[in-house]
Amino acid sequence: MTPEELQNLNPTKTVDARGTACPGPLLEAKKAIGTIGPGETMEVLSADEGTKVDIPKWCIKQGHEYLGTIDENGYYRIFLKKK
């Protein structure tokens, strides 16, 4: 998805993991994915740079669709769709 499409996306669930360091954001995402249904979207907020790599890899491994990342001022917004 383009950054503009991601900005306009209204995720089903937002996980704010900005206060945690690796592997905290990934663990928070793993917990939260069970609370949404297939086809629904989730946004993970993280200030940890490693999360930009960890979440896409986890999506591939689990069969979810990584939609993209937006770099905000001091944190990242990472989007995925549950399969």
PDB file of N, CA and C in Angstrom:
ATOM      1  N   MET A   1       0.840  -1.182   0.000  1.00  0.00           N
ATOM      2  CA  MET A   1       0.000   0.000   0.000  1.00  0.00           C
ATOM      3  C   MET A   1       0.886   1.247   0.000  1.00  0.00           C
ATOM      4  N   THR A   2       0.392   2.308  -0.571  1.00  0.00           N
ATOM      5  CA  THR A   2       1.133   3.565  -0.574  1.00  0.00           C
ATOM      6  C   THR A   2       1.017   4.216   0.806  1.00  0.00           C
ATOM      7  N   PRO A   3       1.940   5.126   1.131  1.00  0.00           N
ATOM      8  CA  PRO A   3       1.828   5.840   2.409  1.00  0.00           C
ATOM      9  C   PRO A   3       0.485   6.562   2.566  1.00  0.00           C
ATOM     10  N   GLU A   4      -0.042   7.080   1.470  1.00  0.00           N
ATOM     11  CA  GLU A   4      -1.329   7.771   1.523  1.00  0.00           C
ATOM     12  C   GLU A   4      -2.457   6.797   1.869  1.00  0.00           C
ATOM     13  N   GLU A   5      -2.420   5.610   1.263  1.00  0.00           N
ATOM     14  CA  GLU A   5      -3.431   4.595   1.559  1.00  0.00           C
ATOM     15  C   GLU A   5      -3.331   4.147   3.016  1.00  0.00           C
ATOM     16  N   LEU A   6      -2.110   3.993   3.510  1.00  0.00           N
ATOM     17  CA  LEU A   6      -1.926   3.603   4.906  1.00  0.00           C
ATOM     18  C   LEU A   6      -2.442   4.683   5.853  1.00  0.00           C
ATOM     19  N   GLN A   7      -2.188   5.955   5.521  1.00  0.00           N
ATOM     20  CA  GLN A   7      -2.665   7.068   6.352  1.00  0.00           C
ATOM     21  C   GLN A   7      -4.189   7.054   6.459  1.00  0.00           C
ATOM     22  N   ASN A   8      -4.862   6.643   5.385  1.00  0.00           N
ATOM     23  CA  ASN A   8      -6.319   6.649   5.356  1.00  0.00           C
ATOM     24  C   ASN A   8      -6.941   5.354   5.865  1.00  0.00           C
ATOM     25  N   LEU A   9      -6.112   4.376   6.173  1.00  0.00           N
ATOM     26  CA  LEU A   9      -6.597   3.088   6.654  1.00  0.00           C
ATOM     27  C   LEU A   9      -7.159   3.240   8.062  1.00  0.00           C
ATOM     28  N   ASN A  10      -8.299   2.629   8.302  1.00  0.00           N
ATOM     29  CA  ASN A  10      -8.912   2.650   9.631  1.00  0.00           C
ATOM     30  C   ASN A  10      -8.788   1.244  10.217  1.00  0.00           C
ATOM     31  N   PRO A  11      -7.692   0.958  10.938  1.00  0.00           N
ATOM     32  CA  PRO A  11      -7.454  -0.405  11.417  1.00  0.00           C
ATOM     33  C   PRO A  11      -8.494  -0.852  12.440  1.00  0.00           C
ATOM     34  N   THR A  12      -8.763  -2.144  12.444  1.00  0.00           N
ATOM     35  CA  THR A  12      -9.674  -2.735  13.411  1.00  0.00           C
ATOM     36  C   THR A  12      -9.103  -2.614  14.819  1.00  0.00           C
ATOM     37  N   LYS A  13      -7.780  -2.774  14.932  1.00  0.00           N
ATOM     38  CA  LYS A  13      -7.103  -2.779  16.236  1.00  0.00           C
ATOM     39  C   LYS A  13      -5.806  -1.993  16.127  1.00  0.00           C
ATOM     40  N   THR A  14      -5.513  -1.184  17.144  1.00  0.00           N
ATOM     41  CA  THR A  14      -4.235  -0.486  17.239  1.00  0.00           C
ATOM     42  C   THR A  14      -3.541  -0.941  18.508  1.00  0.00           C
ATOM     43  N   VAL A  15      -2.305  -1.356  18.367  1.00  0.00           N
ATOM     44  CA  VAL A  15      -1.487  -1.798  19.496  1.00  0.00           C
ATOM     45  C   VAL A  15      -0.413  -0.743  19.724  1.00  0.00           C
ATOM     46  N   ASP A  16      -0.465  -0.081  20.871  1.00  0.00           N
ATOM     47  CA  ASP A  16       0.524   0.947  21.183  1.00  0.00           C
ATOM     48  C   ASP A  16       1.639   0.316  22.019  1.00  0.00           C
ATOM     49  N   ALA A  17       2.741  -0.016  21.361  1.00  0.00           N
ATOM     50  CA  ALA A  17       3.884  -0.642  22.028  1.00  0.00           C
ATOM     51  C   ALA A  17       5.084   0.299  22.040  1.00  0.00           C
ATOM     52  N   ARG A  18       4.825   1.596  21.995  1.00  0.00           N
ATOM     53  CA  ARG A  18       5.918   2.570  21.929  1.00  0.00           C
ATOM     54  C   ARG A  18       6.769   2.594  23.196  1.00  0.00           C
ATOM     55  N   GLY A  19       6.226   2.124  24.318  1.00  0.00           N
ATOM     56  CA  GLY A  19       6.978   2.139  25.562  1.00  0.00           C
ATOM     57  C   GLY A  19       7.799   0.885  25.805  1.00  0.00           C
ATOM     58  N   THR A  20       7.825  -0.026  24.832  1.00  0.00           N
ATOM     59  CA  THR A  20       8.557  -1.280  25.021  1.00  0.00           C
ATOM     60  C   THR A  20       9.677  -1.402  23.995  1.00  0.00           C
ATOM     61  N   ALA A  21      10.726  -2.109  24.408  1.00  0.00           N
ATOM     62  CA  ALA A  21      11.849  -2.379  23.503  1.00  0.00           C
ATOM     63  C   ALA A  21      11.724  -3.799  22.978  1.00  0.00           C
ATOM     64  N   CYS A  22      12.467  -4.100  21.939  1.00  0.00           N
ATOM     65  CA  CYS A  22      12.461  -5.416  21.331  1.00  0.00           C
ATOM     66  C   CYS A  22      12.713  -6.482  22.395  1.00  0.00           C
ATOM     67  N   PRO A  23      11.942  -7.534  22.458  1.00  0.00           N
ATOM     68  CA  PRO A  23      10.911  -7.996  21.531  1.00  0.00           C
ATOM     69  C   PRO A  23       9.494  -7.592  21.934  1.00  0.00           C
ATOM     70  N   GLY A  24       9.353  -6.600  22.820  1.00  0.00           N
ATOM     71  CA  GLY A  24       8.043  -6.182  23.315  1.00  0.00           C
ATOM     72  C   GLY A  24       6.996  -5.902  22.257  1.00  0.00           C
ATOM     73  N   PRO A  25       7.295  -5.074  21.242  1.00  0.00           N
ATOM     74  CA  PRO A  25       6.274  -4.781  20.229  1.00  0.00           C
ATOM     75  C   PRO A  25       5.792  -6.037  19.491  1.00  0.00           C
ATOM     76  N   LEU A  26       6.695  -6.945  19.193  1.00  0.00           N
ATOM     77  CA  LEU A  26       6.294  -8.185  18.510  1.00  0.00           C
ATOM     78  C   LEU A  26       5.425  -9.040  19.423  1.00  0.00           C
ATOM     79  N   LEU A  27       5.787  -9.136  20.693  1.00  0.00           N
ATOM     80  CA  LEU A  27       4.974  -9.912  21.643  1.00  0.00           C
ATOM     81  C   LEU A  27       3.580  -9.311  21.800  1.00  0.00           C
ATOM     82  N   GLU A  28       3.499  -7.980  21.824  1.00  0.00           N
ATOM     83  CA  GLU A  28       2.197  -7.301  21.907  1.00  0.00           C
ATOM     84  C   GLU A  28       1.360  -7.592  20.656  1.00  0.00           C
ATOM     85  N   ALA A  29       2.010  -7.579  19.495  1.00  0.00           N
ATOM     86  CA  ALA A  29       1.308  -7.884  18.245  1.00  0.00           C
ATOM     87  C   ALA A  29       0.795  -9.320  18.250  1.00  0.00           C
ATOM     88  N   LYS A  30       1.619 -10.254  18.726  1.00  0.00           N
ATOM     89  CA  LYS A  30       1.214 -11.668  18.779  1.00  0.00           C
ATOM     90  C   LYS A  30      -0.010 -11.852  19.668  1.00  0.00           C
ATOM     91  N   LYS A  31      -0.047 -11.135  20.790  1.00  0.00           N
ATOM     92  CA  LYS A  31      -1.211 -11.227  21.682  1.00  0.00           C
ATOM     93  C   LYS A  31      -2.455 -10.631  21.029  1.00  0.00           C
ATOM     94  N   ALA A  32      -2.283  -9.488  20.394  1.00  0.00           N
ATOM     95  CA  ALA A  32      -3.421  -8.749  19.849  1.00  0.00           C
ATOM     96  C   ALA A  32      -4.011  -9.388  18.601  1.00  0.00           C
ATOM     97  N   ILE A  33      -3.228 -10.126  17.827  1.00  0.00           N
ATOM     98  CA  ILE A  33      -3.734 -10.689  16.567  1.00  0.00           C
ATOM     99  C   ILE A  33      -4.899 -11.643  16.826  1.00  0.00           C
ATOM    100  N   GLY A  34      -4.927 -12.258  17.990  1.00  0.00           N
ATOM    101  CA  GLY A  34      -6.010 -13.168  18.326  1.00  0.00           C
ATOM    102  C   GLY A  34      -7.329 -12.477  18.629  1.00  0.00           C
ATOM    103  N   THR A  35      -7.299 -11.154  18.771  1.00  0.00           N
ATOM    104  CA  THR A  35      -8.507 -10.409  19.101  1.00  0.00           C
ATOM    105  C   THR A  35      -9.224  -9.864  17.872  1.00  0.00           C
ATOM    106  N   ILE A  36      -8.633 -10.078  16.675  1.00  0.00           N
ATOM    107  CA  ILE A  36      -9.289  -9.619  15.450  1.00  0.00           C
ATOM    108  C   ILE A  36      -9.563 -10.814  14.549  1.00  0.00           C
ATOM    109  N   GLY A  37     -10.488 -10.643  13.630  1.00  0.00           N
ATOM    110  CA  GLY A  37     -10.866 -11.719  12.730  1.00  0.00           C
ATOM    111  C   GLY A  37     -10.082 -11.707  11.435  1.00  0.00           C
ATOM    112  N   PRO A  38     -10.154 -12.801  10.686  1.00  0.00           N
ATOM    113  CA  PRO A  38      -9.509 -12.869   9.378  1.00  0.00           C
ATOM    114  C   PRO A  38      -9.985 -11.734   8.467  1.00  0.00           C
ATOM    115  N   GLY A  39      -9.047 -11.121   7.770  1.00  0.00           N
ATOM    116  CA  GLY A  39      -9.378 -10.023   6.869  1.00  0.00           C
ATOM    117  C   GLY A  39      -9.369  -8.660   7.540  1.00  0.00           C
ATOM    118  N   GLU A  40      -9.310  -8.649   8.871  1.00  0.00           N
ATOM    119  CA  GLU A  40      -9.280  -7.375   9.588  1.00  0.00           C
ATOM    120  C   GLU A  40      -7.836  -6.884   9.686  1.00  0.00           C
ATOM    121  N   THR A  41      -7.677  -5.577   9.911  1.00  0.00           N
ATOM    122  CA  THR A  41      -6.350  -4.975   9.927  1.00  0.00           C
ATOM    123  C   THR A  41      -5.946  -4.553  11.334  1.00  0.00           C
ATOM    124  N   MET A  42      -4.632  -4.532  11.547  1.00  0.00           N
ATOM    125  CA  MET A  42      -4.071  -4.126  12.820  1.00  0.00           C
ATOM    126  C   MET A  42      -2.918  -3.168  12.566  1.00  0.00           C
ATOM    127  N   GLU A  43      -2.797  -2.196  13.438  1.00  0.00           N
ATOM    128  CA  GLU A  43      -1.711  -1.225  13.394  1.00  0.00           C
ATOM    129  C   GLU A  43      -0.885  -1.407  14.667  1.00  0.00           C
ATOM    130  N   VAL A  44       0.428  -1.476  14.523  1.00  0.00           N
ATOM    131  CA  VAL A  44       1.330  -1.576  15.670  1.00  0.00           C
ATOM    132  C   VAL A  44       2.163  -0.300  15.714  1.00  0.00           C
ATOM    133  N   LEU A  45       2.100   0.394  16.855  1.00  0.00           N
ATOM    134  CA  LEU A  45       2.902   1.589  17.052  1.00  0.00           C
ATOM    135  C   LEU A  45       4.138   1.196  17.837  1.00  0.00           C
ATOM    136  N   SER A  46       5.317   1.540  17.343  1.00  0.00           N
ATOM    137  CA  SER A  46       6.553   1.151  18.004  1.00  0.00           C
ATOM    138  C   SER A  46       7.635   2.184  17.772  1.00  0.00           C
ATOM    139  N   ALA A  47       8.413   2.450  18.836  1.00  0.00           N
ATOM    140  CA  ALA A  47       9.565   3.338  18.705  1.00  0.00           C
ATOM    141  C   ALA A  47      10.847   2.534  18.488  1.00  0.00           C
ATOM    142  N   ASP A  48      10.743   1.214  18.554  1.00  0.00           N
ATOM    143  CA  ASP A  48      11.904   0.335  18.387  1.00  0.00           C
ATOM    144  C   ASP A  48      12.120   0.052  16.904  1.00  0.00           C
ATOM    145  N   GLU A  49      13.274   0.430  16.391  1.00  0.00           N
ATOM    146  CA  GLU A  49      13.546   0.296  14.956  1.00  0.00           C
ATOM    147  C   GLU A  49      13.509  -1.156  14.483  1.00  0.00           C
ATOM    148  N   GLY A  50      13.883  -2.090  15.337  1.00  0.00           N
ATOM    149  CA  GLY A  50      13.874  -3.500  14.968  1.00  0.00           C
ATOM    150  C   GLY A  50      12.494  -4.023  14.615  1.00  0.00           C
ATOM    151  N   THR A  51      11.471  -3.363  15.124  1.00  0.00           N
ATOM    152  CA  THR A  51      10.095  -3.789  14.846  1.00  0.00           C
ATOM    153  C   THR A  51       9.768  -3.675  13.366  1.00  0.00           C
ATOM    154  N   LYS A  52      10.413  -2.733  12.662  1.00  0.00           N
ATOM    155  CA  LYS A  52      10.175  -2.568  11.220  1.00  0.00           C
ATOM    156  C   LYS A  52      10.577  -3.822  10.450  1.00  0.00           C
ATOM    157  N   VAL A  53      11.492  -4.600  11.003  1.00  0.00           N
ATOM    158  CA  VAL A  53      11.938  -5.843  10.383  1.00  0.00           C
ATOM    159  C   VAL A  53      11.184  -7.036  10.976  1.00  0.00           C
ATOM    160  N   ASP A  54      11.005  -7.011  12.301  1.00  0.00           N
ATOM    161  CA  ASP A  54      10.396  -8.146  13.002  1.00  0.00           C
ATOM    162  C   ASP A  54       8.953  -8.413  12.578  1.00  0.00           C
ATOM    163  N   ILE A  55       8.139  -7.373  12.482  1.00  0.00           N
ATOM    164  CA  ILE A  55       6.715  -7.563  12.149  1.00  0.00           C
ATOM    165  C   ILE A  55       6.542  -8.127  10.734  1.00  0.00           C
ATOM    166  N   PRO A  56       7.202  -7.567   9.704  1.00  0.00           N
ATOM    167  CA  PRO A  56       7.048  -8.167   8.364  1.00  0.00           C
ATOM    168  C   PRO A  56       7.494  -9.630   8.313  1.00  0.00           C
ATOM    169  N   LYS A  57       8.611  -9.960   8.980  1.00  0.00           N
ATOM    170  CA  LYS A  57       9.070 -11.355   9.002  1.00  0.00           C
ATOM    171  C   LYS A  57       8.046 -12.255   9.684  1.00  0.00           C
ATOM    172  N   TRP A  58       7.498 -11.792  10.791  1.00  0.00           N
ATOM    173  CA  TRP A  58       6.490 -12.553  11.525  1.00  0.00           C
ATOM    174  C   TRP A  58       5.242 -12.757  10.653  1.00  0.00           C
ATOM    175  N   CYS A  59       4.843 -11.716   9.916  1.00  0.00           N
ATOM    176  CA  CYS A  59       3.676 -11.821   9.025  1.00  0.00           C
ATOM    177  C   CYS A  59       3.889 -12.929   7.993  1.00  0.00           C
ATOM    178  N   ILE A  60       5.051 -12.956   7.378  1.00  0.00           N
ATOM    179  CA  ILE A  60       5.354 -13.984   6.375  1.00  0.00           C
ATOM    180  C   ILE A  60       5.286 -15.368   7.016  1.00  0.00           C
ATOM    181  N   LYS A  61       5.910 -15.498   8.174  1.00  0.00           N
ATOM    182  CA  LYS A  61       5.968 -16.781   8.877  1.00  0.00           C
ATOM    183  C   LYS A  61       4.576 -17.291   9.266  1.00  0.00           C
ATOM    184  N   GLN A  62       3.691 -16.365   9.660  1.00  0.00           N
ATOM    185  CA  GLN A  62       2.361 -16.736  10.133  1.00  0.00           C
ATOM    186  C   GLN A  62       1.292 -16.706   9.036  1.00  0.00           C
ATOM    187  N   GLY A  63       1.648 -16.184   7.856  1.00  0.00           N
ATOM    188  CA  GLY A  63       0.693 -16.130   6.757  1.00  0.00           C
ATOM    189  C   GLY A  63      -0.170 -14.888   6.733  1.00  0.00           C
ATOM    190  N   HIS A  64       0.161 -13.885   7.557  1.00  0.00           N
ATOM    191  CA  HIS A  64      -0.575 -12.620   7.537  1.00  0.00           C
ATOM    192  C   HIS A  64       0.006 -11.731   6.443  1.00  0.00           C
ATOM    193  N   GLU A  65      -0.741 -10.724   6.061  1.00  0.00           N
ATOM    194  CA  GLU A  65      -0.286  -9.811   5.010  1.00  0.00           C
ATOM    195  C   GLU A  65       0.271  -8.530   5.612  1.00  0.00           C
ATOM    196  N   TYR A  66       1.545  -8.284   5.399  1.00  0.00           N
ATOM    197  CA  TYR A  66       2.173  -7.031   5.816  1.00  0.00           C
ATOM    198  C   TYR A  66       1.766  -5.964   4.817  1.00  0.00           C
ATOM    199  N   LEU A  67       1.173  -4.867   5.308  1.00  0.00           N
ATOM    200  CA  LEU A  67       0.666  -3.830   4.420  1.00  0.00           C
ATOM    201  C   LEU A  67       1.635  -2.673   4.228  1.00  0.00           C
ATOM    202  N   GLY A  68       2.482  -2.404   5.222  1.00  0.00           N
ATOM    203  CA  GLY A  68       3.444  -1.317   5.091  1.00  0.00           C
ATOM    204  C   GLY A  68       3.714  -0.620   6.406  1.00  0.00           C
ATOM    205  N   THR A  69       4.684   0.288   6.359  1.00  0.00           N
ATOM    206  CA  THR A  69       5.113   1.033   7.539  1.00  0.00           C
ATOM    207  C   THR A  69       5.174   2.513   7.212  1.00  0.00           C
ATOM    208  N   ILE A  70       4.731   3.323   8.147  1.00  0.00           N
ATOM    209  CA  ILE A  70       4.853   4.775   8.035  1.00  0.00           C
ATOM    210  C   ILE A  70       5.803   5.234   9.136  1.00  0.00           C
ATOM    211  N   ASP A  71       6.819   6.003   8.767  1.00  0.00           N
ATOM    212  CA  ASP A  71       7.720   6.605   9.745  1.00  0.00           C
ATOM    213  C   ASP A  71       7.094   7.903  10.237  1.00  0.00           C
ATOM    214  N   GLU A  72       6.768   7.935  11.514  1.00  0.00           N
ATOM    215  CA  GLU A  72       6.243   9.151  12.127  1.00  0.00           C
ATOM    216  C   GLU A  72       7.390   9.838  12.866  1.00  0.00           C
ATOM    217  N   ASN A  73       7.103  10.887  13.553  1.00  0.00           N
ATOM    218  CA  ASN A  73       8.124  11.618  14.302  1.00  0.00           C
ATOM    219  C   ASN A  73       8.439  10.868  15.598  1.00  0.00           C
ATOM    220  N   GLY A  74       9.482  10.034  15.560  1.00  0.00           N
ATOM    221  CA  GLY A  74       9.914   9.318  16.751  1.00  0.00           C
ATOM    222  C   GLY A  74       9.342   7.926  16.935  1.00  0.00           C
ATOM    223  N   TYR A  75       8.491   7.473  16.017  1.00  0.00           N
ATOM    224  CA  TYR A  75       7.954   6.110  16.103  1.00  0.00           C
ATOM    225  C   TYR A  75       7.485   5.639  14.732  1.00  0.00           C
ATOM    226  N   TYR A  76       7.115   4.367  14.670  1.00  0.00           N
ATOM    227  CA  TYR A  76       6.678   3.749  13.415  1.00  0.00           C
ATOM    228  C   TYR A  76       5.248   3.260  13.555  1.00  0.00           C
ATOM    229  N   ARG A  77       4.506   3.352  12.473  1.00  0.00           N
ATOM    230  CA  ARG A  77       3.151   2.787  12.380  1.00  0.00           C
ATOM    231  C   ARG A  77       3.242   1.643  11.382  1.00  0.00           C
ATOM    232  N   ILE A  78       3.050   0.417  11.884  1.00  0.00           N
ATOM    233  CA  ILE A  78       3.208  -0.776  11.061  1.00  0.00           C
ATOM    234  C   ILE A  78       1.841  -1.420  10.899  1.00  0.00           C
ATOM    235  N   PHE A  79       1.450  -1.692   9.659  1.00  0.00           N
ATOM    236  CA  PHE A  79       0.115  -2.204   9.354  1.00  0.00           C
ATOM    237  C   PHE A  79       0.170  -3.621   8.803  1.00  0.00           C
ATOM    238  N   LEU A  80      -0.806  -4.432   9.212  1.00  0.00           N
ATOM    239  CA  LEU A  80      -0.912  -5.792   8.702  1.00  0.00           C
ATOM    240  C   LEU A  80      -2.371  -6.215   8.642  1.00  0.00           C
ATOM    241  N   LYS A  81      -2.613  -7.236   7.826  1.00  0.00           N
ATOM    242  CA  LYS A  81      -3.954  -7.817   7.693  1.00  0.00           C
ATOM    243  C   LYS A  81      -3.884  -9.265   8.124  1.00  0.00           C
ATOM    244  N   LYS A  82      -4.808  -9.652   9.004  1.00  0.00           N
ATOM    245  CA  LYS A  82      -4.839 -11.033   9.474  1.00  0.00           C
ATOM    246  C   LYS A  82      -5.415 -11.940   8.389  1.00  0.00           C
ATOM    247  N   LYS A  83      -4.780 -13.084   8.178  1.00  0.00           N
ATOM    248  CA  LYS A  83      -5.251 -14.064   7.197  1.00  0.00           C
ATOM    249  C   LYS A  83      -5.938 -15.211   7.880  1.00  0.00           C
TER     250      LYS A  83
END
